mmCIF file of all heavy atoms, coordinates in Angstrom:
data_MODEL
# 
_entry.id   MODEL 
# 
loop_
_atom_site.group_PDB 
_atom_site.id 
_atom_site.type_symbol 
_atom_site.label_atom_id 
_atom_site.label_alt_id 
_atom_site.label_comp_id 
_atom_site.label_asym_id 
_atom_site.label_entity_id 
_atom_site.label_seq_id 
_atom_site.pdbx_PDB_ins_code 
_atom_site.Cartn_x 
_atom_site.Cartn_y 
_atom_site.Cartn_z 
_atom_site.occupancy 
_atom_site.B_iso_or_equiv 
_atom_site.pdbx_formal_charge 
_atom_site.auth_seq_id 
_atom_site.auth_comp_id 
_atom_site.auth_asym_id 
_atom_site.auth_atom_id 
_atom_site.pdbx_PDB_model_num 
ATOM 1   N N   . SER A 1 1  ? 139.002 7.159  63.865 1.00 0.00 ? 1  SER A N   1 
ATOM 2   C CA  . SER A 1 1  ? 138.614 6.333  64.997 1.00 0.00 ? 1  SER A CA  1 
ATOM 3   C C   . SER A 1 1  ? 137.130 6.452  65.199 1.00 0.00 ? 1  SER A C   1 
ATOM 4   O O   . SER A 1 1  ? 136.488 7.395  64.715 1.00 0.00 ? 1  SER A O   1 
ATOM 5   C CB  . SER A 1 1  ? 139.341 6.833  66.295 1.00 0.00 ? 1  SER A CB  1 
ATOM 6   O OG  . SER A 1 1  ? 139.018 8.148  66.593 1.00 0.00 ? 1  SER A OG  1 
ATOM 7   N N   . GLY A 1 2  ? 136.578 5.458  65.856 1.00 0.00 ? 2  GLY A N   1 
ATOM 8   C CA  . GLY A 1 2  ? 135.162 5.510  66.121 1.00 0.00 ? 2  GLY A CA  1 
ATOM 9   C C   . GLY A 1 2  ? 134.257 5.119  64.958 1.00 0.00 ? 2  GLY A C   1 
ATOM 10  O O   . GLY A 1 2  ? 133.059 5.272  65.030 1.00 0.00 ? 2  GLY A O   1 
ATOM 11  N N   . ILE A 1 3  ? 134.904 4.637  63.880 1.00 0.00 ? 3  ILE A N   1 
ATOM 12  C CA  . ILE A 1 3  ? 134.170 4.228  62.724 1.00 0.00 ? 3  ILE A CA  1 
ATOM 13  C C   . ILE A 1 3  ? 134.727 2.875  62.263 1.00 0.00 ? 3  ILE A C   1 
ATOM 14  O O   . ILE A 1 3  ? 135.851 2.511  62.659 1.00 0.00 ? 3  ILE A O   1 
ATOM 15  C CB  . ILE A 1 3  ? 134.215 5.203  61.559 1.00 0.00 ? 3  ILE A CB  1 
ATOM 16  C CG1 . ILE A 1 3  ? 135.664 5.337  61.058 1.00 0.00 ? 3  ILE A CG1 1 
ATOM 17  C CG2 . ILE A 1 3  ? 133.647 6.545  61.997 1.00 0.00 ? 3  ILE A CG2 1 
ATOM 18  C CD1 . ILE A 1 3  ? 135.777 6.192  59.788 1.00 0.00 ? 3  ILE A CD1 1 
ATOM 19  N N   . VAL A 1 4  ? 133.969 2.125  61.398 1.00 0.00 ? 4  VAL A N   1 
ATOM 20  C CA  . VAL A 1 4  ? 134.494 0.939  60.796 1.00 0.00 ? 4  VAL A CA  1 
ATOM 21  C C   . VAL A 1 4  ? 135.223 1.423  59.525 1.00 0.00 ? 4  VAL A C   1 
ATOM 22  O O   . VAL A 1 4  ? 134.656 1.406  58.440 1.00 0.00 ? 4  VAL A O   1 
ATOM 23  C CB  . VAL A 1 4  ? 133.408 -0.055 60.526 1.00 0.00 ? 4  VAL A CB  1 
ATOM 24  C CG1 . VAL A 1 4  ? 133.937 -1.367 59.926 1.00 0.00 ? 4  VAL A CG1 1 
ATOM 25  C CG2 . VAL A 1 4  ? 132.545 -0.316 61.723 1.00 0.00 ? 4  VAL A CG2 1 
ATOM 26  N N   . PHE A 1 5  ? 136.450 1.777  59.692 1.00 0.00 ? 5  PHE A N   1 
ATOM 27  C CA  . PHE A 1 5  ? 137.238 2.429  58.586 1.00 0.00 ? 5  PHE A CA  1 
ATOM 28  C C   . PHE A 1 5  ? 137.278 1.564  57.402 1.00 0.00 ? 5  PHE A C   1 
ATOM 29  O O   . PHE A 1 5  ? 137.150 2.045  56.245 1.00 0.00 ? 5  PHE A O   1 
ATOM 30  C CB  . PHE A 1 5  ? 138.633 2.773  59.137 1.00 0.00 ? 5  PHE A CB  1 
ATOM 31  C CG  . PHE A 1 5  ? 139.456 3.492  58.118 1.00 0.00 ? 5  PHE A CG  1 
ATOM 32  C CD1 . PHE A 1 5  ? 139.225 4.871  57.949 1.00 0.00 ? 5  PHE A CD1 1 
ATOM 33  C CD2 . PHE A 1 5  ? 140.415 2.852  57.389 1.00 0.00 ? 5  PHE A CD2 1 
ATOM 34  C CE1 . PHE A 1 5  ? 140.010 5.565  57.035 1.00 0.00 ? 5  PHE A CE1 1 
ATOM 35  C CE2 . PHE A 1 5  ? 141.164 3.540  56.496 1.00 0.00 ? 5  PHE A CE2 1 
ATOM 36  C CZ  . PHE A 1 5  ? 141.000 4.908  56.295 1.00 0.00 ? 5  PHE A CZ  1 
ATOM 37  N N   . ARG A 1 6  ? 137.510 0.293  57.573 1.00 0.00 ? 6  ARG A N   1 
ATOM 38  C CA  . ARG A 1 6  ? 137.735 -0.627 56.425 1.00 0.00 ? 6  ARG A CA  1 
ATOM 39  C C   . ARG A 1 6  ? 136.483 -0.718 55.551 1.00 0.00 ? 6  ARG A C   1 
ATOM 40  O O   . ARG A 1 6  ? 136.625 -1.206 54.384 1.00 0.00 ? 6  ARG A O   1 
ATOM 41  C CB  . ARG A 1 6  ? 138.181 -1.991 56.876 1.00 0.00 ? 6  ARG A CB  1 
ATOM 42  C CG  . ARG A 1 6  ? 137.156 -2.687 57.724 1.00 0.00 ? 6  ARG A CG  1 
ATOM 43  C CD  . ARG A 1 6  ? 137.678 -4.073 58.195 1.00 0.00 ? 6  ARG A CD  1 
ATOM 44  N NE  . ARG A 1 6  ? 136.688 -4.764 59.022 1.00 0.00 ? 6  ARG A NE  1 
ATOM 45  C CZ  . ARG A 1 6  ? 135.802 -5.564 58.542 1.00 0.00 ? 6  ARG A CZ  1 
ATOM 46  N NH1 . ARG A 1 6  ? 135.715 -5.774 57.269 1.00 0.00 ? 6  ARG A NH1 1 
ATOM 47  N NH2 . ARG A 1 6  ? 134.915 -6.158 59.325 1.00 0.00 ? 6  ARG A NH2 1 
ATOM 48  N N   . LEU A 1 7  ? 135.350 -0.333 56.041 1.00 0.00 ? 7  LEU A N   1 
ATOM 49  C CA  . LEU A 1 7  ? 134.098 -0.397 55.294 1.00 0.00 ? 7  LEU A CA  1 
ATOM 50  C C   . LEU A 1 7  ? 133.618 1.022  54.854 1.00 0.00 ? 7  LEU A C   1 
ATOM 51  O O   . LEU A 1 7  ? 132.536 1.130  54.351 1.00 0.00 ? 7  LEU A O   1 
ATOM 52  C CB  . LEU A 1 7  ? 133.012 -1.096 56.084 1.00 0.00 ? 7  LEU A CB  1 
ATOM 53  C CG  . LEU A 1 7  ? 133.263 -2.562 56.478 1.00 0.00 ? 7  LEU A CG  1 
ATOM 54  C CD1 . LEU A 1 7  ? 132.117 -3.096 57.270 1.00 0.00 ? 7  LEU A CD1 1 
ATOM 55  C CD2 . LEU A 1 7  ? 133.534 -3.386 55.233 1.00 0.00 ? 7  LEU A CD2 1 
ATOM 56  N N   . SER A 1 8  ? 134.436 2.046  55.061 1.00 0.00 ? 8  SER A N   1 
ATOM 57  C CA  . SER A 1 8  ? 134.018 3.358  54.836 1.00 0.00 ? 8  SER A CA  1 
ATOM 58  C C   . SER A 1 8  ? 134.720 3.991  53.660 1.00 0.00 ? 8  SER A C   1 
ATOM 59  O O   . SER A 1 8  ? 135.972 4.033  53.601 1.00 0.00 ? 8  SER A O   1 
ATOM 60  C CB  . SER A 1 8  ? 134.321 4.251  56.072 1.00 0.00 ? 8  SER A CB  1 
ATOM 61  O OG  . SER A 1 8  ? 133.598 3.737  57.232 1.00 0.00 ? 8  SER A OG  1 
ATOM 62  N N   . ASP A 1 9  ? 133.949 4.505  52.702 1.00 0.00 ? 9  ASP A N   1 
ATOM 63  C CA  . ASP A 1 9  ? 134.532 5.353  51.718 1.00 0.00 ? 9  ASP A CA  1 
ATOM 64  C C   . ASP A 1 9  ? 134.957 6.647  52.377 1.00 0.00 ? 9  ASP A C   1 
ATOM 65  O O   . ASP A 1 9  ? 134.343 7.125  53.336 1.00 0.00 ? 9  ASP A O   1 
ATOM 66  C CB  . ASP A 1 9  ? 133.457 5.725  50.634 1.00 0.00 ? 9  ASP A CB  1 
ATOM 67  C CG  . ASP A 1 9  ? 133.101 4.580  49.768 1.00 0.00 ? 9  ASP A CG  1 
ATOM 68  O OD1 . ASP A 1 9  ? 133.606 3.447  49.909 1.00 0.00 ? 9  ASP A OD1 1 
ATOM 69  O OD2 . ASP A 1 9  ? 132.251 4.800  48.857 1.00 0.00 ? 9  ASP A OD2 1 
ATOM 70  N N   . MET A 1 10 ? 136.084 7.195  51.935 1.00 0.00 ? 10 MET A N   1 
ATOM 71  C CA  . MET A 1 10 ? 136.634 8.332  52.572 1.00 0.00 ? 10 MET A CA  1 
ATOM 72  C C   . MET A 1 10 ? 136.938 9.443  51.565 1.00 0.00 ? 10 MET A C   1 
ATOM 73  O O   . MET A 1 10 ? 137.037 9.175  50.366 1.00 0.00 ? 10 MET A O   1 
ATOM 74  C CB  . MET A 1 10 ? 137.915 8.015  53.331 1.00 0.00 ? 10 MET A CB  1 
ATOM 75  C CG  . MET A 1 10 ? 137.811 7.000  54.432 1.00 0.00 ? 10 MET A CG  1 
ATOM 76  S SD  . MET A 1 10 ? 136.786 7.605  55.819 1.00 0.00 ? 10 MET A SD  1 
ATOM 77  C CE  . MET A 1 10 ? 137.827 8.899  56.435 1.00 0.00 ? 10 MET A CE  1 
ATOM 78  N N   . GLY A 1 11 ? 137.071 10.654 52.052 1.00 0.00 ? 11 GLY A N   1 
ATOM 79  C CA  . GLY A 1 11 ? 137.358 11.797 51.162 1.00 0.00 ? 11 GLY A CA  1 
ATOM 80  C C   . GLY A 1 11 ? 138.195 12.831 51.846 1.00 0.00 ? 11 GLY A C   1 
ATOM 81  O O   . GLY A 1 11 ? 138.229 12.949 53.076 1.00 0.00 ? 11 GLY A O   1 
ATOM 82  N N   . TRP A 1 12 ? 138.938 13.605 51.016 1.00 0.00 ? 12 TRP A N   1 
ATOM 83  C CA  . TRP A 1 12 ? 139.621 14.818 51.453 1.00 0.00 ? 12 TRP A CA  1 
ATOM 84  C C   . TRP A 1 12 ? 138.804 16.011 50.941 1.00 0.00 ? 12 TRP A C   1 
ATOM 85  O O   . TRP A 1 12 ? 138.470 15.996 49.721 1.00 0.00 ? 12 TRP A O   1 
ATOM 86  C CB  . TRP A 1 12 ? 141.037 14.829 50.968 1.00 0.00 ? 12 TRP A CB  1 
ATOM 87  C CG  . TRP A 1 12 ? 141.971 13.967 51.749 1.00 0.00 ? 12 TRP A CG  1 
ATOM 88  C CD1 . TRP A 1 12 ? 142.379 12.692 51.418 1.00 0.00 ? 12 TRP A CD1 1 
ATOM 89  C CD2 . TRP A 1 12 ? 142.618 14.263 52.986 1.00 0.00 ? 12 TRP A CD2 1 
ATOM 90  N NE1 . TRP A 1 12 ? 143.252 12.206 52.389 1.00 0.00 ? 12 TRP A NE1 1 
ATOM 91  C CE2 . TRP A 1 12 ? 143.398 13.141 53.344 1.00 0.00 ? 12 TRP A CE2 1 
ATOM 92  C CE3 . TRP A 1 12 ? 142.580 15.398 53.813 1.00 0.00 ? 12 TRP A CE3 1 
ATOM 93  C CZ2 . TRP A 1 12 ? 144.142 13.136 54.504 1.00 0.00 ? 12 TRP A CZ2 1 
ATOM 94  C CZ3 . TRP A 1 12 ? 143.369 15.347 54.966 1.00 0.00 ? 12 TRP A CZ3 1 
ATOM 95  C CH2 . TRP A 1 12 ? 144.108 14.267 55.320 1.00 0.00 ? 12 TRP A CH2 1 
ATOM 96  N N   . PHE A 1 13 ? 138.580 16.983 51.765 1.00 0.00 ? 13 PHE A N   1 
ATOM 97  C CA  . PHE A 1 13 ? 137.795 18.133 51.463 1.00 0.00 ? 13 PHE A CA  1 
ATOM 98  C C   . PHE A 1 13 ? 138.625 19.411 51.687 1.00 0.00 ? 13 PHE A C   1 
ATOM 99  O O   . PHE A 1 13 ? 139.508 19.460 52.461 1.00 0.00 ? 13 PHE A O   1 
ATOM 100 C CB  . PHE A 1 13 ? 136.547 18.204 52.377 1.00 0.00 ? 13 PHE A CB  1 
ATOM 101 C CG  . PHE A 1 13 ? 135.682 16.942 52.293 1.00 0.00 ? 13 PHE A CG  1 
ATOM 102 C CD1 . PHE A 1 13 ? 136.068 15.799 52.938 1.00 0.00 ? 13 PHE A CD1 1 
ATOM 103 C CD2 . PHE A 1 13 ? 134.531 16.957 51.565 1.00 0.00 ? 13 PHE A CD2 1 
ATOM 104 C CE1 . PHE A 1 13 ? 135.268 14.681 52.904 1.00 0.00 ? 13 PHE A CE1 1 
ATOM 105 C CE2 . PHE A 1 13 ? 133.749 15.823 51.489 1.00 0.00 ? 13 PHE A CE2 1 
ATOM 106 C CZ  . PHE A 1 13 ? 134.086 14.659 52.139 1.00 0.00 ? 13 PHE A CZ  1 
ATOM 107 N N   . ARG A 1 14 ? 138.250 20.387 50.899 1.00 0.00 ? 14 ARG A N   1 
ATOM 108 C CA  . ARG A 1 14 ? 138.892 21.688 51.023 1.00 0.00 ? 14 ARG A CA  1 
ATOM 109 C C   . ARG A 1 14 ? 137.845 22.801 51.133 1.00 0.00 ? 14 ARG A C   1 
ATOM 110 O O   . ARG A 1 14 ? 136.798 22.753 50.429 1.00 0.00 ? 14 ARG A O   1 
ATOM 111 C CB  . ARG A 1 14 ? 139.769 21.977 49.812 1.00 0.00 ? 14 ARG A CB  1 
ATOM 112 C CG  . ARG A 1 14 ? 140.531 23.333 49.911 1.00 0.00 ? 14 ARG A CG  1 
ATOM 113 C CD  . ARG A 1 14 ? 141.387 23.579 48.651 1.00 0.00 ? 14 ARG A CD  1 
ATOM 114 N NE  . ARG A 1 14 ? 140.547 23.851 47.521 1.00 0.00 ? 14 ARG A NE  1 
ATOM 115 C CZ  . ARG A 1 14 ? 140.649 23.235 46.346 1.00 0.00 ? 14 ARG A CZ  1 
ATOM 116 N NH1 . ARG A 1 14 ? 141.570 22.311 46.201 1.00 0.00 ? 14 ARG A NH1 1 
ATOM 117 N NH2 . ARG A 1 14 ? 139.851 23.585 45.351 1.00 0.00 ? 14 ARG A NH2 1 
ATOM 118 N N   . GLN A 1 15 ? 138.097 23.723 52.020 1.00 0.00 ? 15 GLN A N   1 
ATOM 119 C CA  . GLN A 1 15 ? 137.203 24.868 52.177 1.00 0.00 ? 15 GLN A CA  1 
ATOM 120 C C   . GLN A 1 15 ? 138.033 26.109 52.198 1.00 0.00 ? 15 GLN A C   1 
ATOM 121 O O   . GLN A 1 15 ? 139.063 26.193 52.875 1.00 0.00 ? 15 GLN A O   1 
ATOM 122 C CB  . GLN A 1 15 ? 136.373 24.750 53.442 1.00 0.00 ? 15 GLN A CB  1 
ATOM 123 C CG  . GLN A 1 15 ? 135.302 25.814 53.562 1.00 0.00 ? 15 GLN A CG  1 
ATOM 124 C CD  . GLN A 1 15 ? 134.431 25.556 54.794 1.00 0.00 ? 15 GLN A CD  1 
ATOM 125 O OE1 . GLN A 1 15 ? 134.835 25.089 55.843 1.00 0.00 ? 15 GLN A OE1 1 
ATOM 126 N NE2 . GLN A 1 15 ? 133.136 25.925 54.644 1.00 0.00 ? 15 GLN A NE2 1 
ATOM 127 N N   . VAL A 1 16 ? 137.578 27.150 51.497 1.00 0.00 ? 16 VAL A N   1 
ATOM 128 C CA  . VAL A 1 16 ? 138.175 28.452 51.504 1.00 0.00 ? 16 VAL A CA  1 
ATOM 129 C C   . VAL A 1 16 ? 137.095 29.463 51.929 1.00 0.00 ? 16 VAL A C   1 
ATOM 130 O O   . VAL A 1 16 ? 135.894 29.219 51.799 1.00 0.00 ? 16 VAL A O   1 
ATOM 131 C CB  . VAL A 1 16 ? 138.743 28.854 50.112 1.00 0.00 ? 16 VAL A CB  1 
ATOM 132 C CG1 . VAL A 1 16 ? 139.826 27.843 49.705 1.00 0.00 ? 16 VAL A CG1 1 
ATOM 133 C CG2 . VAL A 1 16 ? 137.659 28.869 49.065 1.00 0.00 ? 16 VAL A CG2 1 
ATOM 134 N N   . PRO A 1 17 ? 137.541 30.625 52.433 1.00 0.00 ? 17 PRO A N   1 
ATOM 135 C CA  . PRO A 1 17 ? 136.569 31.632 52.937 1.00 0.00 ? 17 PRO A CA  1 
ATOM 136 C C   . PRO A 1 17 ? 135.579 31.991 51.832 1.00 0.00 ? 17 PRO A C   1 
ATOM 137 O O   . PRO A 1 17 ? 135.938 32.249 50.703 1.00 0.00 ? 17 PRO A O   1 
ATOM 138 C CB  . PRO A 1 17 ? 137.452 32.858 53.347 1.00 0.00 ? 17 PRO A CB  1 
ATOM 139 C CG  . PRO A 1 17 ? 138.758 32.210 53.664 1.00 0.00 ? 17 PRO A CG  1 
ATOM 140 C CD  . PRO A 1 17 ? 138.940 31.061 52.700 1.00 0.00 ? 17 PRO A CD  1 
ATOM 141 N N   . GLY A 1 18 ? 134.318 31.994 52.251 1.00 0.00 ? 18 GLY A N   1 
ATOM 142 C CA  . GLY A 1 18 ? 133.237 32.411 51.315 1.00 0.00 ? 18 GLY A CA  1 
ATOM 143 C C   . GLY A 1 18 ? 132.795 31.379 50.351 1.00 0.00 ? 18 GLY A C   1 
ATOM 144 O O   . GLY A 1 18 ? 131.936 31.637 49.513 1.00 0.00 ? 18 GLY A O   1 
ATOM 145 N N   . LYS A 1 19 ? 133.412 30.156 50.451 1.00 0.00 ? 19 LYS A N   1 
ATOM 146 C CA  . LYS A 1 19 ? 133.001 29.096 49.512 1.00 0.00 ? 19 LYS A CA  1 
ATOM 147 C C   . LYS A 1 19 ? 132.639 27.856 50.246 1.00 0.00 ? 19 LYS A C   1 
ATOM 148 O O   . LYS A 1 19 ? 133.039 27.624 51.383 1.00 0.00 ? 19 LYS A O   1 
ATOM 149 C CB  . LYS A 1 19 ? 134.150 28.817 48.547 1.00 0.00 ? 19 LYS A CB  1 
ATOM 150 C CG  . LYS A 1 19 ? 134.550 29.941 47.604 1.00 0.00 ? 19 LYS A CG  1 
ATOM 151 C CD  . LYS A 1 19 ? 135.583 29.533 46.605 1.00 0.00 ? 19 LYS A CD  1 
ATOM 152 C CE  . LYS A 1 19 ? 135.924 30.720 45.657 1.00 0.00 ? 19 LYS A CE  1 
ATOM 153 N NZ  . LYS A 1 19 ? 136.979 30.266 44.690 1.00 0.00 ? 19 LYS A NZ  1 
ATOM 154 N N   . GLU A 1 20 ? 131.870 27.062 49.593 1.00 0.00 ? 20 GLU A N   1 
ATOM 155 C CA  . GLU A 1 20 ? 131.362 25.794 50.154 1.00 0.00 ? 20 GLU A CA  1 
ATOM 156 C C   . GLU A 1 20 ? 132.502 24.802 50.221 1.00 0.00 ? 20 GLU A C   1 
ATOM 157 O O   . GLU A 1 20 ? 133.405 24.754 49.368 1.00 0.00 ? 20 GLU A O   1 
ATOM 158 C CB  . GLU A 1 20 ? 130.268 25.242 49.299 1.00 0.00 ? 20 GLU A CB  1 
ATOM 159 C CG  . GLU A 1 20 ? 129.686 23.934 49.791 1.00 0.00 ? 20 GLU A CG  1 
ATOM 160 C CD  . GLU A 1 20 ? 128.561 23.464 48.853 1.00 0.00 ? 20 GLU A CD  1 
ATOM 161 O OE1 . GLU A 1 20 ? 128.012 24.279 48.093 1.00 0.00 ? 20 GLU A OE1 1 
ATOM 162 O OE2 . GLU A 1 20 ? 128.291 22.245 48.856 1.00 0.00 ? 20 GLU A OE2 1 
ATOM 163 N N   . ARG A 1 21 ? 132.509 24.022 51.256 1.00 0.00 ? 21 ARG A N   1 
ATOM 164 C CA  . ARG A 1 21 ? 133.491 22.924 51.420 1.00 0.00 ? 21 ARG A CA  1 
ATOM 165 C C   . ARG A 1 21 ? 133.197 21.880 50.319 1.00 0.00 ? 21 ARG A C   1 
ATOM 166 O O   . ARG A 1 21 ? 132.041 21.482 50.151 1.00 0.00 ? 21 ARG A O   1 
ATOM 167 C CB  . ARG A 1 21 ? 133.377 22.301 52.779 1.00 0.00 ? 21 ARG A CB  1 
ATOM 168 C CG  . ARG A 1 21 ? 134.323 21.168 53.035 1.00 0.00 ? 21 ARG A CG  1 
ATOM 169 C CD  . ARG A 1 21 ? 134.026 20.381 54.325 1.00 0.00 ? 21 ARG A CD  1 
ATOM 170 N NE  . ARG A 1 21 ? 134.345 21.142 55.522 1.00 0.00 ? 21 ARG A NE  1 
ATOM 171 C CZ  . ARG A 1 21 ? 133.449 21.633 56.360 1.00 0.00 ? 21 ARG A CZ  1 
ATOM 172 N NH1 . ARG A 1 21 ? 132.151 21.532 56.130 1.00 0.00 ? 21 ARG A NH1 1 
ATOM 173 N NH2 . ARG A 1 21 ? 133.849 22.348 57.441 1.00 0.00 ? 21 ARG A NH2 1 
ATOM 174 N N   . ILE A 1 22 ? 134.254 21.519 49.626 1.00 0.00 ? 22 ILE A N   1 
ATOM 175 C CA  . ILE A 1 22 ? 134.042 20.563 48.529 1.00 0.00 ? 22 ILE A CA  1 
ATOM 176 C C   . ILE A 1 22 ? 134.998 19.397 48.686 1.00 0.00 ? 22 ILE A C   1 
ATOM 177 O O   . ILE A 1 22 ? 136.131 19.501 49.319 1.00 0.00 ? 22 ILE A O   1 
ATOM 178 C CB  . ILE A 1 22 ? 134.303 21.199 47.146 1.00 0.00 ? 22 ILE A CB  1 
ATOM 179 C CG1 . ILE A 1 22 ? 135.741 21.730 47.032 1.00 0.00 ? 22 ILE A CG1 1 
ATOM 180 C CG2 . ILE A 1 22 ? 133.301 22.311 46.889 1.00 0.00 ? 22 ILE A CG2 1 
ATOM 181 C CD1 . ILE A 1 22 ? 136.117 22.172 45.649 1.00 0.00 ? 22 ILE A CD1 1 
ATOM 182 N N   . MET A 1 23 ? 134.639 18.246 48.141 1.00 0.00 ? 23 MET A N   1 
ATOM 183 C CA  . MET A 1 23 ? 135.512 17.107 48.106 1.00 0.00 ? 23 MET A CA  1 
ATOM 184 C C   . MET A 1 23 ? 136.486 17.235 46.950 1.00 0.00 ? 23 MET A C   1 
ATOM 185 O O   . MET A 1 23 ? 136.022 17.431 45.798 1.00 0.00 ? 23 MET A O   1 
ATOM 186 C CB  . MET A 1 23 ? 134.714 15.841 48.035 1.00 0.00 ? 23 MET A CB  1 
ATOM 187 C CG  . MET A 1 23 ? 135.532 14.571 48.050 1.00 0.00 ? 23 MET A CG  1 
ATOM 188 S SD  . MET A 1 23 ? 134.557 13.026 47.830 1.00 0.00 ? 23 MET A SD  1 
ATOM 189 C CE  . MET A 1 23 ? 133.571 13.032 49.356 1.00 0.00 ? 23 MET A CE  1 
ATOM 190 N N   . VAL A 1 24 ? 137.766 17.099 47.198 1.00 0.00 ? 24 VAL A N   1 
ATOM 191 C CA  . VAL A 1 24 ? 138.756 17.158 46.134 1.00 0.00 ? 24 VAL A CA  1 
ATOM 192 C C   . VAL A 1 24 ? 139.269 15.797 45.739 1.00 0.00 ? 24 VAL A C   1 
ATOM 193 O O   . VAL A 1 24 ? 139.754 15.641 44.631 1.00 0.00 ? 24 VAL A O   1 
ATOM 194 C CB  . VAL A 1 24 ? 139.895 18.121 46.457 1.00 0.00 ? 24 VAL A CB  1 
ATOM 195 C CG1 . VAL A 1 24 ? 139.354 19.553 46.694 1.00 0.00 ? 24 VAL A CG1 1 
ATOM 196 C CG2 . VAL A 1 24 ? 140.657 17.618 47.696 1.00 0.00 ? 24 VAL A CG2 1 
# 
């Protein structure tokens, strides 16, 4: 919500303790 979703590339990200959040 609050974005133009249909024009937005999207991603799923994962973060674990001590590591950088990355896009999977």
